[in-house]
Amino acid sequence: MSRFEVATLVLAPPPVVFDASLSVELHASSMRDSREQAVAGVTSGQLSLGDQVTWRARHFGFTWHLTSTISDPFSSSDGLCDAVVLKDGDGLAEVASLGWAAA
């Protein structure tokens, strides 16, 4: 199993980053090169605890359906964690945990 990790330094106050991280439209806009779009669950607006959104996107030459659930209680000063189930066209799946934490 391959693994990769991406870290991004954002020079903005945690509450601003937190609010931006919950925006379906901002995420879709930032992933426009992979034509990522929300296709099920919460497909617009701001996500909140317990929300799910399923994205369809093309990554690594495959079309994926990625279902993300905002799964941990959070506040704008603590960070954000979500769980993602990845499925490709052959039904392969993996669960990943994604998130950020305030420094």
PDB file of N, CA and C in Angstrom:
ATOM      1  N   MET A   1       0.854  -1.178   0.000  1.00  0.00           N
ATOM      2  CA  MET A   1       0.000   0.000   0.000  1.00  0.00           C
ATOM      3  C   MET A   1       0.898   1.237   0.000  1.00  0.00           C
ATOM      4  N   SER A   2       0.650   2.112  -0.937  1.00  0.00           N
ATOM      5  CA  SER A   2       1.390   3.367  -1.017  1.00  0.00           C
ATOM      6  C   SER A   2       0.790   4.374  -0.049  1.00  0.00           C
ATOM      7  N   ARG A   3       1.616   5.325   0.342  1.00  0.00           N
ATOM      8  CA  ARG A   3       1.144   6.372   1.241  1.00  0.00           C
ATOM      9  C   ARG A   3       1.783   7.681   0.816  1.00  0.00           C
ATOM     10  N   PHE A   4       1.021   8.740   0.892  1.00  0.00           N
ATOM     11  CA  PHE A   4       1.593  10.055   0.675  1.00  0.00           C
ATOM     12  C   PHE A   4       0.958  11.013   1.660  1.00  0.00           C
ATOM     13  N   GLU A   5       1.666  12.087   1.927  1.00  0.00           N
ATOM     14  CA  GLU A   5       1.210  13.082   2.886  1.00  0.00           C
ATOM     15  C   GLU A   5       1.463  14.450   2.299  1.00  0.00           C
ATOM     16  N   VAL A   6       0.517  15.347   2.476  1.00  0.00           N
ATOM     17  CA  VAL A   6       0.645  16.707   1.999  1.00  0.00           C
ATOM     18  C   VAL A   6       0.449  17.642   3.188  1.00  0.00           C
ATOM     19  N   ALA A   7       1.356  18.573   3.355  1.00  0.00           N
ATOM     20  CA  ALA A   7       1.224  19.579   4.406  1.00  0.00           C
ATOM     21  C   ALA A   7       1.280  20.951   3.752  1.00  0.00           C
ATOM     22  N   THR A   8       0.404  21.836   4.168  1.00  0.00           N
ATOM     23  CA  THR A   8       0.342  23.180   3.610  1.00  0.00           C
ATOM     24  C   THR A   8       0.384  24.184   4.745  1.00  0.00           C
ATOM     25  N   LEU A   9       1.310  25.135   4.651  1.00  0.00           N
ATOM     26  CA  LEU A   9       1.387  26.215   5.626  1.00  0.00           C
ATOM     27  C   LEU A   9       0.461  27.327   5.162  1.00  0.00           C
ATOM     28  N   VAL A  10      -0.455  27.734   6.023  1.00  0.00           N
ATOM     29  CA  VAL A  10      -1.394  28.807   5.699  1.00  0.00           C
ATOM     30  C   VAL A  10      -1.132  29.949   6.664  1.00  0.00           C
ATOM     31  N   LEU A  11      -0.822  31.099   6.128  1.00  0.00           N
ATOM     32  CA  LEU A  11      -0.534  32.269   6.959  1.00  0.00           C
ATOM     33  C   LEU A  11      -1.813  33.069   7.177  1.00  0.00           C
ATOM     34  N   ALA A  12      -2.667  32.524   8.034  1.00  0.00           N
ATOM     35  CA  ALA A  12      -3.937  33.163   8.371  1.00  0.00           C
ATOM     36  C   ALA A  12      -4.317  32.721   9.775  1.00  0.00           C
ATOM     37  N   PRO A  13      -5.115  33.514  10.465  1.00  0.00           N
ATOM     38  CA  PRO A  13      -5.548  33.129  11.812  1.00  0.00           C
ATOM     39  C   PRO A  13      -6.380  31.843  11.759  1.00  0.00           C
ATOM     40  N   PRO A  14      -6.243  30.962  12.770  1.00  0.00           N
ATOM     41  CA  PRO A  14      -6.998  29.703  12.783  1.00  0.00           C
ATOM     42  C   PRO A  14      -8.500  29.843  12.534  1.00  0.00           C
ATOM     43  N   PRO A  15      -9.194  30.842  13.101  1.00  0.00           N
ATOM     44  CA  PRO A  15     -10.638  30.919  12.822  1.00  0.00           C
ATOM     45  C   PRO A  15     -10.951  31.145  11.335  1.00  0.00           C
ATOM     46  N   VAL A  16     -10.102  31.879  10.633  1.00  0.00           N
ATOM     47  CA  VAL A  16     -10.315  32.116   9.202  1.00  0.00           C
ATOM     48  C   VAL A  16     -10.099  30.818   8.423  1.00  0.00           C
ATOM     49  N   VAL A  17      -9.033  30.088   8.763  1.00  0.00           N
ATOM     50  CA  VAL A  17      -8.736  28.815   8.107  1.00  0.00           C
ATOM     51  C   VAL A  17      -9.848  27.815   8.397  1.00  0.00           C
ATOM     52  N   PHE A  18     -10.300  27.780   9.632  1.00  0.00           N
ATOM     53  CA  PHE A  18     -11.370  26.866  10.033  1.00  0.00           C
ATOM     54  C   PHE A  18     -12.629  27.100   9.200  1.00  0.00           C
ATOM     55  N   ASP A  19     -13.077  28.351   9.127  1.00  0.00           N
ATOM     56  CA  ASP A  19     -14.290  28.660   8.359  1.00  0.00           C
ATOM     57  C   ASP A  19     -14.119  28.279   6.891  1.00  0.00           C
ATOM     58  N   ALA A  20     -12.954  28.568   6.329  1.00  0.00           N
ATOM     59  CA  ALA A  20     -12.699  28.240   4.920  1.00  0.00           C
ATOM     60  C   ALA A  20     -12.702  26.728   4.698  1.00  0.00           C
ATOM     61  N   SER A  21     -12.204  25.971   5.673  1.00  0.00           N
ATOM     62  CA  SER A  21     -12.106  24.515   5.513  1.00  0.00           C
ATOM     63  C   SER A  21     -13.469  23.831   5.452  1.00  0.00           C
ATOM     64  N   LEU A  22     -14.502  24.507   5.892  1.00  0.00           N
ATOM     65  CA  LEU A  22     -15.845  23.932   5.904  1.00  0.00           C
ATOM     66  C   LEU A  22     -16.689  24.328   4.698  1.00  0.00           C
ATOM     67  N   SER A  23     -16.139  25.104   3.787  1.00  0.00           N
ATOM     68  CA  SER A  23     -16.888  25.589   2.636  1.00  0.00           C
ATOM     69  C   SER A  23     -16.826  24.598   1.478  1.00  0.00           C
ATOM     70  N   VAL A  24     -17.977  24.081   1.079  1.00  0.00           N
ATOM     71  CA  VAL A  24     -18.043  23.159  -0.057  1.00  0.00           C
ATOM     72  C   VAL A  24     -17.591  23.883  -1.327  1.00  0.00           C
ATOM     73  N   GLU A  25     -18.059  25.101  -1.532  1.00  0.00           N
ATOM     74  CA  GLU A  25     -17.713  25.842  -2.741  1.00  0.00           C
ATOM     75  C   GLU A  25     -16.224  26.169  -2.815  1.00  0.00           C
ATOM     76  N   LEU A  26     -15.625  26.547  -1.700  1.00  0.00           N
ATOM     77  CA  LEU A  26     -14.192  26.864  -1.704  1.00  0.00           C
ATOM     78  C   LEU A  26     -13.372  25.615  -2.019  1.00  0.00           C
ATOM     79  N   HIS A  27     -13.762  24.472  -1.445  1.00  0.00           N
ATOM     80  CA  HIS A  27     -13.059  23.224  -1.733  1.00  0.00           C
ATOM     81  C   HIS A  27     -13.160  22.886  -3.219  1.00  0.00           C
ATOM     82  N   ALA A  28     -14.364  22.956  -3.765  1.00  0.00           N
ATOM     83  CA  ALA A  28     -14.562  22.640  -5.186  1.00  0.00           C
ATOM     84  C   ALA A  28     -13.741  23.583  -6.062  1.00  0.00           C
ATOM     85  N   SER A  29     -13.705  24.837  -5.708  1.00  0.00           N
ATOM     86  CA  SER A  29     -12.932  25.815  -6.475  1.00  0.00           C
ATOM     87  C   SER A  29     -11.438  25.504  -6.424  1.00  0.00           C
ATOM     88  N   SER A  30     -10.961  25.089  -5.251  1.00  0.00           N
ATOM     89  CA  SER A  30      -9.532  24.794  -5.098  1.00  0.00           C
ATOM     90  C   SER A  30      -9.129  23.510  -5.819  1.00  0.00           C
ATOM     91  N   MET A  31     -10.103  22.647  -6.128  1.00  0.00           N
ATOM     92  CA  MET A  31      -9.833  21.369  -6.783  1.00  0.00           C
ATOM     93  C   MET A  31     -10.340  21.346  -8.220  1.00  0.00           C
ATOM     94  N   ARG A  32     -10.450  22.498  -8.828  1.00  0.00           N
ATOM     95  CA  ARG A  32     -11.048  22.587 -10.159  1.00  0.00           C
ATOM     96  C   ARG A  32     -10.249  21.823 -11.213  1.00  0.00           C
ATOM     97  N   ASP A  33      -8.915  21.690 -11.045  1.00  0.00           N
ATOM     98  CA  ASP A  33      -8.105  20.953 -12.020  1.00  0.00           C
ATOM     99  C   ASP A  33      -8.494  19.475 -12.102  1.00  0.00           C
ATOM    100  N   SER A  34      -8.977  18.904 -10.989  1.00  0.00           N
ATOM    101  CA  SER A  34      -9.405  17.498 -10.992  1.00  0.00           C
ATOM    102  C   SER A  34     -10.913  17.380 -11.233  1.00  0.00           C
ATOM    103  N   ARG A  35     -11.540  18.512 -11.552  1.00  0.00           N
ATOM    104  CA  ARG A  35     -12.991  18.568 -11.792  1.00  0.00           C
ATOM    105  C   ARG A  35     -13.779  17.992 -10.612  1.00  0.00           C
ATOM    106  N   GLU A  36     -13.246  18.192  -9.405  1.00  0.00           N
ATOM    107  CA  GLU A  36     -13.916  17.673  -8.215  1.00  0.00           C
ATOM    108  C   GLU A  36     -15.219  18.430  -7.986  1.00  0.00           C
ATOM    109  N   GLN A  37     -16.290  17.676  -7.753  1.00  0.00           N
ATOM    110  CA  GLN A  37     -17.567  18.298  -7.466  1.00  0.00           C
ATOM    111  C   GLN A  37     -18.337  17.468  -6.449  1.00  0.00           C
ATOM    112  N   ALA A  38     -19.101  18.179  -5.616  1.00  0.00           N
ATOM    113  CA  ALA A  38     -19.952  17.521  -4.625  1.00  0.00           C
ATOM    114  C   ALA A  38     -21.142  16.920  -5.349  1.00  0.00           C
ATOM    115  N   VAL A  39     -21.364  15.606  -5.145  1.00  0.00           N
ATOM    116  CA  VAL A  39     -22.439  14.919  -5.872  1.00  0.00           C
ATOM    117  C   VAL A  39     -23.498  14.304  -4.950  1.00  0.00           C
ATOM    118  N   ALA A  40     -23.253  14.268  -3.644  1.00  0.00           N
ATOM    119  CA  ALA A  40     -24.246  13.716  -2.710  1.00  0.00           C
ATOM    120  C   ALA A  40     -23.997  14.283  -1.316  1.00  0.00           C
ATOM    121  N   GLY A  41     -24.996  14.173  -0.469  1.00  0.00           N
ATOM    122  CA  GLY A  41     -24.883  14.708   0.884  1.00  0.00           C
ATOM    123  C   GLY A  41     -25.023  16.224   0.841  1.00  0.00           C
ATOM    124  N   VAL A  42     -24.235  16.911   1.652  1.00  0.00           N
ATOM    125  CA  VAL A  42     -24.237  18.371   1.661  1.00  0.00           C
ATOM    126  C   VAL A  42     -23.430  18.821   0.442  1.00  0.00           C
ATOM    127  N   THR A  43     -24.077  19.427  -0.533  1.00  0.00           N
ATOM    128  CA  THR A  43     -23.395  19.775  -1.786  1.00  0.00           C
ATOM    129  C   THR A  43     -23.166  21.271  -1.954  1.00  0.00           C
ATOM    130  N   SER A  44     -23.537  22.057  -0.955  1.00  0.00           N
ATOM    131  CA  SER A  44     -23.259  23.489  -0.995  1.00  0.00           C
ATOM    132  C   SER A  44     -23.273  24.036   0.427  1.00  0.00           C
ATOM    133  N   GLY A  45     -22.672  25.199   0.594  1.00  0.00           N
ATOM    134  CA  GLY A  45     -22.672  25.856   1.898  1.00  0.00           C
ATOM    135  C   GLY A  45     -21.560  25.373   2.805  1.00  0.00           C
ATOM    136  N   GLN A  46     -21.758  25.562   4.108  1.00  0.00           N
ATOM    137  CA  GLN A  46     -20.771  25.220   5.128  1.00  0.00           C
ATOM    138  C   GLN A  46     -21.104  23.866   5.753  1.00  0.00           C
ATOM    139  N   LEU A  47     -20.099  23.030   5.913  1.00  0.00           N
ATOM    140  CA  LEU A  47     -20.266  21.741   6.584  1.00  0.00           C
ATOM    141  C   LEU A  47     -20.250  21.943   8.092  1.00  0.00           C
ATOM    142  N   SER A  48     -20.912  21.042   8.807  1.00  0.00           N
ATOM    143  CA  SER A  48     -20.885  21.072  10.272  1.00  0.00           C
ATOM    144  C   SER A  48     -20.796  19.642  10.792  1.00  0.00           C
ATOM    145  N   LEU A  49     -20.655  19.510  12.088  1.00  0.00           N
ATOM    146  CA  LEU A  49     -20.475  18.209  12.720  1.00  0.00           C
ATOM    147  C   LEU A  49     -21.540  17.222  12.272  1.00  0.00           C
ATOM    148  N   GLY A  50     -21.090  16.038  11.816  1.00  0.00           N
ATOM    149  CA  GLY A  50     -21.992  14.988  11.375  1.00  0.00           C
ATOM    150  C   GLY A  50     -22.351  15.040   9.902  1.00  0.00           C
ATOM    151  N   ASP A  51     -22.045  16.146   9.235  1.00  0.00           N
ATOM    152  CA  ASP A  51     -22.353  16.257   7.808  1.00  0.00           C
ATOM    153  C   ASP A  51     -21.495  15.312   6.984  1.00  0.00           C
ATOM    154  N   GLN A  52     -22.059  14.858   5.877  1.00  0.00           N
ATOM    155  CA  GLN A  52     -21.324  14.065   4.895  1.00  0.00           C
ATOM    156  C   GLN A  52     -21.420  14.756   3.549  1.00  0.00           C
ATOM    157  N   VAL A  53     -20.364  14.633   2.772  1.00  0.00           N
ATOM    158  CA  VAL A  53     -20.373  15.098   1.387  1.00  0.00           C
ATOM    159  C   VAL A  53     -19.618  14.060   0.561  1.00  0.00           C
ATOM    160  N   THR A  54     -20.171  13.696  -0.581  1.00  0.00           N
ATOM    161  CA  THR A  54     -19.493  12.788  -1.502  1.00  0.00           C
ATOM    162  C   THR A  54     -19.015  13.601  -2.692  1.00  0.00           C
ATOM    163  N   TRP A  55     -17.724  13.485  -2.958  1.00  0.00           N
ATOM    164  CA  TRP A  55     -17.078  14.188  -4.071  1.00  0.00           C
ATOM    165  C   TRP A  55     -16.793  13.200  -5.189  1.00  0.00           C
ATOM    166  N   ARG A  56     -16.909  13.665  -6.415  1.00  0.00           N
ATOM    167  CA  ARG A  56     -16.449  12.890  -7.569  1.00  0.00           C
ATOM    168  C   ARG A  56     -15.288  13.678  -8.162  1.00  0.00           C
ATOM    169  N   ALA A  57     -14.166  12.978  -8.377  1.00  0.00           N
ATOM    170  CA  ALA A  57     -12.977  13.661  -8.882  1.00  0.00           C
ATOM    171  C   ALA A  57     -12.095  12.679  -9.629  1.00  0.00           C
ATOM    172  N   ARG A  58     -11.192  13.217 -10.399  1.00  0.00           N
ATOM    173  CA  ARG A  58     -10.225  12.391 -11.116  1.00  0.00           C
ATOM    174  C   ARG A  58      -8.852  12.661 -10.506  1.00  0.00           C
ATOM    175  N   HIS A  59      -8.285  11.613  -9.896  1.00  0.00           N
ATOM    176  CA  HIS A  59      -6.947  11.688  -9.290  1.00  0.00           C
ATOM    177  C   HIS A  59      -6.164  10.461  -9.719  1.00  0.00           C
ATOM    178  N   PHE A  60      -4.885  10.646 -10.008  1.00  0.00           N
ATOM    179  CA  PHE A  60      -3.989   9.531 -10.352  1.00  0.00           C
ATOM    180  C   PHE A  60      -4.523   8.718 -11.535  1.00  0.00           C
ATOM    181  N   GLY A  61      -5.246   9.379 -12.446  1.00  0.00           N
ATOM    182  CA  GLY A  61      -5.757   8.693 -13.623  1.00  0.00           C
ATOM    183  C   GLY A  61      -7.042   7.913 -13.408  1.00  0.00           C
ATOM    184  N   PHE A  62      -7.620   7.969 -12.224  1.00  0.00           N
ATOM    185  CA  PHE A  62      -8.846   7.236 -11.904  1.00  0.00           C
ATOM    186  C   PHE A  62      -9.936   8.210 -11.467  1.00  0.00           C
ATOM    187  N   THR A  63     -11.189   7.852 -11.746  1.00  0.00           N
ATOM    188  CA  THR A  63     -12.310   8.610 -11.202  1.00  0.00           C
ATOM    189  C   THR A  63     -12.651   8.019  -9.844  1.00  0.00           C
ATOM    190  N   TRP A  64     -12.718   8.893  -8.848  1.00  0.00           N
ATOM    191  CA  TRP A  64     -12.961   8.474  -7.468  1.00  0.00           C
ATOM    192  C   TRP A  64     -14.260   9.095  -6.958  1.00  0.00           C
ATOM    193  N   HIS A  65     -14.902   8.384  -6.055  1.00  0.00           N
ATOM    194  CA  HIS A  65     -15.981   8.945  -5.248  1.00  0.00           C
ATOM    195  C   HIS A  65     -15.451   8.941  -3.817  1.00  0.00           C
ATOM    196  N   LEU A  66     -15.334  10.114  -3.228  1.00  0.00           N
ATOM    197  CA  LEU A  66     -14.756  10.269  -1.896  1.00  0.00           C
ATOM    198  C   LEU A  66     -15.847  10.791  -0.969  1.00  0.00           C
ATOM    199  N   THR A  67     -16.211  10.016   0.023  1.00  0.00           N
ATOM    200  CA  THR A  67     -17.237  10.447   0.969  1.00  0.00           C
ATOM    201  C   THR A  67     -16.558  10.874   2.254  1.00  0.00           C
ATOM    202  N   SER A  68     -16.767  12.116   2.597  1.00  0.00           N
ATOM    203  CA  SER A  68     -16.141  12.704   3.774  1.00  0.00           C
ATOM    204  C   SER A  68     -17.204  12.993   4.824  1.00  0.00           C
ATOM    205  N   THR A  69     -16.896  12.626   6.072  1.00  0.00           N
ATOM    206  CA  THR A  69     -17.781  12.894   7.202  1.00  0.00           C
ATOM    207  C   THR A  69     -17.042  13.753   8.211  1.00  0.00           C
ATOM    208  N   ILE A  70     -17.642  14.852   8.606  1.00  0.00           N
ATOM    209  CA  ILE A  70     -17.063  15.664   9.671  1.00  0.00           C
ATOM    210  C   ILE A  70     -17.381  14.917  10.964  1.00  0.00           C
ATOM    211  N   SER A  71     -16.331  14.300  11.559  1.00  0.00           N
ATOM    212  CA  SER A  71     -16.573  13.265  12.558  1.00  0.00           C
ATOM    213  C   SER A  71     -16.178  13.600  13.980  1.00  0.00           C
ATOM    214  N   ASP A  72     -15.425  14.631  14.194  1.00  0.00           N
ATOM    215  CA  ASP A  72     -14.987  14.952  15.551  1.00  0.00           C
ATOM    216  C   ASP A  72     -15.578  16.286  15.991  1.00  0.00           C
ATOM    217  N   PRO A  73     -15.978  16.380  17.262  1.00  0.00           N
ATOM    218  CA  PRO A  73     -16.384  17.692  17.773  1.00  0.00           C
ATOM    219  C   PRO A  73     -15.220  18.661  17.583  1.00  0.00           C
ATOM    220  N   PHE A  74     -15.533  19.866  17.238  1.00  0.00           N
ATOM    221  CA  PHE A  74     -14.459  20.797  16.923  1.00  0.00           C
ATOM    222  C   PHE A  74     -14.859  22.211  17.287  1.00  0.00           C
ATOM    223  N   SER A  75     -13.852  23.055  17.340  1.00  0.00           N
ATOM    224  CA  SER A  75     -14.069  24.492  17.447  1.00  0.00           C
ATOM    225  C   SER A  75     -13.031  25.162  16.567  1.00  0.00           C
ATOM    226  N   SER A  76     -13.225  26.415  16.279  1.00  0.00           N
ATOM    227  CA  SER A  76     -12.333  27.099  15.355  1.00  0.00           C
ATOM    228  C   SER A  76     -10.913  27.222  15.883  1.00  0.00           C
ATOM    229  N   SER A  77     -10.702  27.035  17.191  1.00  0.00           N
ATOM    230  CA  SER A  77      -9.348  27.144  17.720  1.00  0.00           C
ATOM    231  C   SER A  77      -8.639  25.797  17.839  1.00  0.00           C
ATOM    232  N   ASP A  78      -9.398  24.689  17.753  1.00  0.00           N
ATOM    233  CA  ASP A  78      -8.807  23.370  17.949  1.00  0.00           C
ATOM    234  C   ASP A  78      -8.331  22.708  16.666  1.00  0.00           C
ATOM    235  N   GLY A  79      -9.094  22.835  15.603  1.00  0.00           N
ATOM    236  CA  GLY A  79      -8.758  22.165  14.357  1.00  0.00           C
ATOM    237  C   GLY A  79      -9.967  21.432  13.824  1.00  0.00           C
ATOM    238  N   LEU A  80      -9.725  20.599  12.837  1.00  0.00           N
ATOM    239  CA  LEU A  80     -10.801  19.891  12.170  1.00  0.00           C
ATOM    240  C   LEU A  80     -10.314  18.517  11.782  1.00  0.00           C
ATOM    241  N   CYS A  81     -11.168  17.529  11.903  1.00  0.00           N
ATOM    242  CA  CYS A  81     -10.839  16.177  11.463  1.00  0.00           C
ATOM    243  C   CYS A  81     -12.036  15.621  10.722  1.00  0.00           C
ATOM    244  N   ASP A  82     -11.777  14.960   9.608  1.00  0.00           N
ATOM    245  CA  ASP A  82     -12.851  14.243   8.942  1.00  0.00           C
ATOM    246  C   ASP A  82     -12.339  12.880   8.505  1.00  0.00           C
ATOM    247  N   ALA A  83     -13.255  11.984   8.267  1.00  0.00           N
ATOM    248  CA  ALA A  83     -12.907  10.644   7.796  1.00  0.00           C
ATOM    249  C   ALA A  83     -13.368  10.542   6.351  1.00  0.00           C
ATOM    250  N   VAL A  84     -12.538   9.958   5.509  1.00  0.00           N
ATOM    251  CA  VAL A  84     -12.845   9.876   4.083  1.00  0.00           C
ATOM    252  C   VAL A  84     -12.805   8.424   3.645  1.00  0.00           C
ATOM    253  N   VAL A  85     -13.829   7.998   2.914  1.00  0.00           N
ATOM    254  CA  VAL A  85     -13.837   6.676   2.294  1.00  0.00           C
ATOM    255  C   VAL A  85     -13.633   6.888   0.801  1.00  0.00           C
ATOM    256  N   LEU A  86     -12.575   6.293   0.264  1.00  0.00           N
ATOM    257  CA  LEU A  86     -12.228   6.450  -1.143  1.00  0.00           C
ATOM    258  C   LEU A  86     -12.661   5.217  -1.916  1.00  0.00           C
ATOM    259  N   LYS A  87     -13.344   5.409  -3.023  1.00  0.00           N
ATOM    260  CA  LYS A  87     -13.734   4.281  -3.872  1.00  0.00           C
ATOM    261  C   LYS A  87     -13.413   4.636  -5.310  1.00  0.00           C
ATOM    262  N   ASP A  88     -12.718   3.746  -5.997  1.00  0.00           N
ATOM    263  CA  ASP A  88     -12.475   3.961  -7.417  1.00  0.00           C
ATOM    264  C   ASP A  88     -13.521   3.220  -8.230  1.00  0.00           C
ATOM    265  N   GLY A  89     -13.403   3.233  -9.538  1.00  0.00           N
ATOM    266  CA  GLY A  89     -14.381   2.601 -10.401  1.00  0.00           C
ATOM    267  C   GLY A  89     -14.522   1.108 -10.185  1.00  0.00           C
ATOM    268  N   ASP A  90     -13.494   0.459  -9.615  1.00  0.00           N
ATOM    269  CA  ASP A  90     -13.536  -0.972  -9.356  1.00  0.00           C
ATOM    270  C   ASP A  90     -14.050  -1.298  -7.957  1.00  0.00           C
ATOM    271  N   GLY A  91     -14.442  -0.275  -7.204  1.00  0.00           N
ATOM    272  CA  GLY A  91     -14.969  -0.493  -5.865  1.00  0.00           C
ATOM    273  C   GLY A  91     -13.906  -0.636  -4.793  1.00  0.00           C
ATOM    274  N   LEU A  92     -12.626  -0.369  -5.140  1.00  0.00           N
ATOM    275  CA  LEU A  92     -11.573  -0.415  -4.129  1.00  0.00           C
ATOM    276  C   LEU A  92     -11.812   0.698  -3.126  1.00  0.00           C
ATOM    277  N   ALA A  93     -11.589   0.427  -1.862  1.00  0.00           N
ATOM    278  CA  ALA A  93     -11.888   1.419  -0.838  1.00  0.00           C
ATOM    279  C   ALA A  93     -10.770   1.503   0.183  1.00  0.00           C
ATOM    280  N   GLU A  94     -10.619   2.679   0.744  1.00  0.00           N
ATOM    281  CA  GLU A  94      -9.676   2.900   1.835  1.00  0.00           C
ATOM    282  C   GLU A  94     -10.246   4.009   2.701  1.00  0.00           C
ATOM    283  N   VAL A  95     -10.041   3.908   3.979  1.00  0.00           N
ATOM    284  CA  VAL A  95     -10.486   4.967   4.893  1.00  0.00           C
ATOM    285  C   VAL A  95      -9.265   5.770   5.293  1.00  0.00           C
ATOM    286  N   ALA A  96      -9.374   7.063   5.197  1.00  0.00           N
ATOM    287  CA  ALA A  96      -8.290   7.958   5.572  1.00  0.00           C
ATOM    288  C   ALA A  96      -8.827   8.981   6.549  1.00  0.00           C
ATOM    289  N   SER A  97      -7.977   9.474   7.408  1.00  0.00           N
ATOM    290  CA  SER A  97      -8.347  10.533   8.322  1.00  0.00           C
ATOM    291  C   SER A  97      -7.589  11.785   7.897  1.00  0.00           C
ATOM    292  N   LEU A  98      -8.322  12.853   7.685  1.00  0.00           N
ATOM    293  CA  LEU A  98      -7.729  14.092   7.234  1.00  0.00           C
ATOM    294  C   LEU A  98      -8.045  15.171   8.244  1.00  0.00           C
ATOM    295  N   GLY A  99      -7.200  16.160   8.341  1.00  0.00           N
ATOM    296  CA  GLY A  99      -7.526  17.238   9.252  1.00  0.00           C
ATOM    297  C   GLY A  99      -6.420  18.248   9.383  1.00  0.00           C
ATOM    298  N   TRP A 100      -6.630  19.175  10.270  1.00  0.00           N
ATOM    299  CA  TRP A 100      -5.618  20.169  10.567  1.00  0.00           C
ATOM    300  C   TRP A 100      -5.740  20.491  12.043  1.00  0.00           C
ATOM    301  N   ALA A 101      -4.671  21.009  12.568  1.00  0.00           N
ATOM    302  CA  ALA A 101      -4.669  21.410  13.969  1.00  0.00           C
ATOM    303  C   ALA A 101      -4.052  22.775  14.095  1.00  0.00           C
ATOM    304  N   ALA A 102      -4.592  23.577  14.978  1.00  0.00           N
ATOM    305  CA  ALA A 102      -4.018  24.895  15.222  1.00  0.00           C
ATOM    306  C   ALA A 102      -2.654  24.733  15.881  1.00  0.00           C
ATOM    307  N   ALA A 103      -1.720  25.554  15.469  1.00  0.00           N
ATOM    308  CA  ALA A 103      -0.356  25.461  16.011  1.00  0.00           C
ATOM    309  C   ALA A 103      -0.264  26.162  17.350  1.00  0.00           C
TER     310      ALA A 103
END
